[in-house]
Amino acid sequence: HSDERLRELCRPAVWESQERYEQIVFQVFAAPDRSVEGWEPAGDVLHRMLAVLNEVSAARPEQSVALVGHGLALSLLLADLQGLPHPSLAAWRAIPFAAVAAIDPSHSAVTPHWETTGA
């Protein structure tokens, strides 16, 4: 199943230093209800990610769900499933590009490590 709502957090195509990029990521995570420097609000990303997860889970209630995505969007989803207000920078950094997350049917367990897709 492919769904456009699983895309990465939308942001301007502007080159930033690694340090500045991480500062913006921190601000985006800390202020989920507003756009920071033109970036899609984190709350909007989480809303669309949860919508897909809930739809797929409802269609297959006894099965785990595997989501393929990128670090910002997946870290927002993971933090929410863990009951955290927002992801930490360390949690975001731990997710490689094009990662796979397996989520159990109750949405209470996620694979303990991230696996890259090889993409």
C-alpha atoms as a PDB file:
ATOM      1  CA  HIS A   1       0.000   0.000   0.000  1.00  0.00           C
ATOM      2  CA  SER A   2       1.447   3.359  -0.994  1.00  0.00           C
ATOM      3  CA  ASP A   3       0.069   6.600   0.373  1.00  0.00           C
ATOM      4  CA  GLU A   4       1.188  10.184  -0.236  1.00  0.00           C
ATOM      5  CA  ARG A   5       0.414  10.999   3.405  1.00  0.00           C
ATOM      6  CA  LEU A   6       3.478   8.969   4.433  1.00  0.00           C
ATOM      7  CA  ARG A   7       5.832  11.475   2.792  1.00  0.00           C
ATOM      8  CA  GLU A   8       8.502  13.321   4.723  1.00  0.00           C
ATOM      9  CA  LEU A   9       7.779  16.622   6.443  1.00  0.00           C
ATOM     10  CA  CYS A  10       7.604  19.294   3.716  1.00  0.00           C
ATOM     11  CA  ARG A  11      10.187  22.039   3.951  1.00  0.00           C
ATOM     12  CA  PRO A  12      11.673  24.707   1.687  1.00  0.00           C
ATOM     13  CA  ALA A  13      14.448  23.684  -0.685  1.00  0.00           C
ATOM     14  CA  VAL A  14      17.007  25.884   1.050  1.00  0.00           C
ATOM     15  CA  TRP A  15      20.482  24.695   1.969  1.00  0.00           C
ATOM     16  CA  GLU A  16      21.206  24.991   5.680  1.00  0.00           C
ATOM     17  CA  SER A  17      24.311  24.044   7.630  1.00  0.00           C
ATOM     18  CA  GLN A  18      23.922  20.856   9.676  1.00  0.00           C
ATOM     19  CA  GLU A  19      23.882  22.919  12.855  1.00  0.00           C
ATOM     20  CA  ARG A  20      21.188  25.284  11.559  1.00  0.00           C
ATOM     21  CA  TYR A  21      19.141  22.392  10.166  1.00  0.00           C
ATOM     22  CA  GLU A  22      19.130  20.701  13.579  1.00  0.00           C
ATOM     23  CA  GLN A  23      18.111  23.975  15.247  1.00  0.00           C
ATOM     24  CA  ILE A  24      15.121  24.203  12.923  1.00  0.00           C
ATOM     25  CA  VAL A  25      14.233  20.531  13.516  1.00  0.00           C
ATOM     26  CA  PHE A  26      14.277  21.184  17.278  1.00  0.00           C
ATOM     27  CA  GLN A  27      11.989  24.205  16.823  1.00  0.00           C
ATOM     28  CA  VAL A  28       9.606  22.237  14.583  1.00  0.00           C
ATOM     29  CA  PHE A  29       9.388  19.416  17.141  1.00  0.00           C
ATOM     30  CA  ALA A  30       8.893  21.862  20.037  1.00  0.00           C
ATOM     31  CA  ALA A  31       6.140  23.872  18.295  1.00  0.00           C
ATOM     32  CA  PRO A  32       3.975  21.285  16.498  1.00  0.00           C
ATOM     33  CA  ASP A  33       1.084  23.657  15.826  1.00  0.00           C
ATOM     34  CA  ARG A  34       2.990  26.231  13.791  1.00  0.00           C
ATOM     35  CA  SER A  35       5.189  26.457  10.744  1.00  0.00           C
ATOM     36  CA  VAL A  36       8.823  27.260  11.478  1.00  0.00           C
ATOM     37  CA  GLU A  37      10.655  28.999   8.625  1.00  0.00           C
ATOM     38  CA  GLY A  38       8.195  27.652   6.067  1.00  0.00           C
ATOM     39  CA  TRP A  39       8.364  24.035   7.246  1.00  0.00           C
ATOM     40  CA  GLU A  40       5.167  21.995   7.464  1.00  0.00           C
ATOM     41  CA  PRO A  41       3.889  22.007  11.060  1.00  0.00           C
ATOM     42  CA  ALA A  42       4.839  18.829  12.916  1.00  0.00           C
ATOM     43  CA  GLY A  43       1.245  18.402  14.092  1.00  0.00           C
ATOM     44  CA  ASP A  44       0.042  18.252  10.488  1.00  0.00           C
ATOM     45  CA  VAL A  45       2.632  15.579   9.681  1.00  0.00           C
ATOM     46  CA  LEU A  46       1.658  13.525  12.718  1.00  0.00           C
ATOM     47  CA  HIS A  47      -2.046  13.850  11.878  1.00  0.00           C
ATOM     48  CA  ARG A  48      -1.581  12.437   8.359  1.00  0.00           C
ATOM     49  CA  MET A  49       0.797   9.682   9.524  1.00  0.00           C
ATOM     50  CA  LEU A  50      -1.663   8.568  12.226  1.00  0.00           C
ATOM     51  CA  ALA A  51      -4.538   8.624   9.742  1.00  0.00           C
ATOM     52  CA  VAL A  52      -2.727   6.157   7.468  1.00  0.00           C
ATOM     53  CA  LEU A  53      -1.656   3.945  10.374  1.00  0.00           C
ATOM     54  CA  ASN A  54      -5.209   3.827  11.740  1.00  0.00           C
ATOM     55  CA  GLU A  55      -6.735   3.079   8.318  1.00  0.00           C
ATOM     56  CA  VAL A  56      -4.295   0.268   7.551  1.00  0.00           C
ATOM     57  CA  SER A  57      -4.632  -1.140  11.072  1.00  0.00           C
ATOM     58  CA  ALA A  58      -8.435  -1.113  10.834  1.00  0.00           C
ATOM     59  CA  ALA A  59      -8.297  -3.043   7.555  1.00  0.00           C
ATOM     60  CA  ARG A  60      -5.961  -5.664   9.072  1.00  0.00           C
ATOM     61  CA  PRO A  61      -6.599  -5.588  12.834  1.00  0.00           C
ATOM     62  CA  GLU A  62      -4.626  -8.733  13.656  1.00  0.00           C
ATOM     63  CA  GLN A  63      -1.497  -7.819  11.698  1.00  0.00           C
ATOM     64  CA  SER A  64       1.499  -5.641  12.412  1.00  0.00           C
ATOM     65  CA  VAL A  65       1.992  -2.679  10.103  1.00  0.00           C
ATOM     66  CA  ALA A  66       5.276  -1.848   8.400  1.00  0.00           C
ATOM     67  CA  LEU A  67       5.744   1.802   7.518  1.00  0.00           C
ATOM     68  CA  VAL A  68       8.510   2.979   5.211  1.00  0.00           C
ATOM     69  CA  GLY A  69       9.442   6.603   5.531  1.00  0.00           C
ATOM     70  CA  HIS A  70      11.970   9.215   6.515  1.00  0.00           C
ATOM     71  CA  GLY A  71      13.323  10.430   9.830  1.00  0.00           C
ATOM     72  CA  LEU A  72      11.278  13.511  10.620  1.00  0.00           C
ATOM     73  CA  ALA A  73       7.876  11.969   9.908  1.00  0.00           C
ATOM     74  CA  LEU A  74       8.705   8.600  11.471  1.00  0.00           C
ATOM     75  CA  SER A  75      10.203  10.183  14.593  1.00  0.00           C
ATOM     76  CA  LEU A  76       7.019  12.222  15.103  1.00  0.00           C
ATOM     77  CA  LEU A  77       4.905   9.078  14.803  1.00  0.00           C
ATOM     78  CA  LEU A  78       7.136   7.045  17.113  1.00  0.00           C
ATOM     79  CA  ALA A  79       7.141   9.732  19.808  1.00  0.00           C
ATOM     80  CA  ASP A  80       3.349   9.910  19.688  1.00  0.00           C
ATOM     81  CA  LEU A  81       2.999   6.116  19.949  1.00  0.00           C
ATOM     82  CA  GLN A  82       5.296   6.227  22.986  1.00  0.00           C
ATOM     83  CA  GLY A  83       3.188   8.944  24.613  1.00  0.00           C
ATOM     84  CA  LEU A  84       5.899  11.594  24.303  1.00  0.00           C
ATOM     85  CA  PRO A  85       5.024  15.234  23.554  1.00  0.00           C
ATOM     86  CA  HIS A  86       7.624  15.343  20.770  1.00  0.00           C
ATOM     87  CA  PRO A  87      10.668  13.401  19.586  1.00  0.00           C
ATOM     88  CA  SER A  88      14.138  14.113  20.879  1.00  0.00           C
ATOM     89  CA  LEU A  89      16.887  15.079  18.474  1.00  0.00           C
ATOM     90  CA  ALA A  90      18.682  11.856  19.450  1.00  0.00           C
ATOM     91  CA  ALA A  91      15.647   9.756  18.470  1.00  0.00           C
ATOM     92  CA  TRP A  92      15.400  11.595  15.145  1.00  0.00           C
ATOM     93  CA  ARG A  93      19.131  11.181  14.438  1.00  0.00           C
ATOM     94  CA  ALA A  94      18.852   7.417  15.071  1.00  0.00           C
ATOM     95  CA  ILE A  95      16.487   6.917  12.120  1.00  0.00           C
ATOM     96  CA  PRO A  96      18.299   6.405   8.795  1.00  0.00           C
ATOM     97  CA  PHE A  97      17.011   7.619   5.446  1.00  0.00           C
ATOM     98  CA  ALA A  98      14.280   5.403   3.960  1.00  0.00           C
ATOM     99  CA  ALA A  99      13.721   3.423   7.161  1.00  0.00           C
ATOM    100  CA  VAL A 100      11.208   0.687   7.960  1.00  0.00           C
ATOM    101  CA  ALA A 101       9.271   0.683  11.228  1.00  0.00           C
ATOM    102  CA  ALA A 102       7.152  -2.322  12.240  1.00  0.00           C
ATOM    103  CA  ILE A 103       4.235  -1.439  14.523  1.00  0.00           C
ATOM    104  CA  ASP A 104       2.238  -4.116  16.346  1.00  0.00           C
ATOM    105  CA  PRO A 105      -1.582  -4.305  16.069  1.00  0.00           C
ATOM    106  CA  SER A 106      -2.122  -2.492  19.379  1.00  0.00           C
ATOM    107  CA  HIS A 107       0.240   0.329  18.322  1.00  0.00           C
ATOM    108  CA  SER A 108       2.079  -0.202  21.590  1.00  0.00           C
ATOM    109  CA  ALA A 109       5.292  -1.710  20.229  1.00  0.00           C
ATOM    110  CA  VAL A 110       7.630  -0.595  17.483  1.00  0.00           C
ATOM    111  CA  THR A 111      10.675  -2.518  16.311  1.00  0.00           C
ATOM    112  CA  PRO A 112      13.527  -1.763  18.734  1.00  0.00           C
ATOM    113  CA  HIS A 113      15.804  -0.747  15.879  1.00  0.00           C
ATOM    114  CA  TRP A 114      15.420   0.864  12.497  1.00  0.00           C
ATOM    115  CA  GLU A 115      16.175  -1.095   9.367  1.00  0.00           C
ATOM    116  CA  THR A 116      17.180   0.684   6.187  1.00  0.00           C
ATOM    117  CA  THR A 117      15.406  -0.243   2.995  1.00  0.00           C
ATOM    118  CA  GLY A 118      18.604  -0.208   0.976  1.00  0.00           C
ATOM    119  CA  ALA A 119      17.231   2.648  -1.122  1.00  0.00           C
END
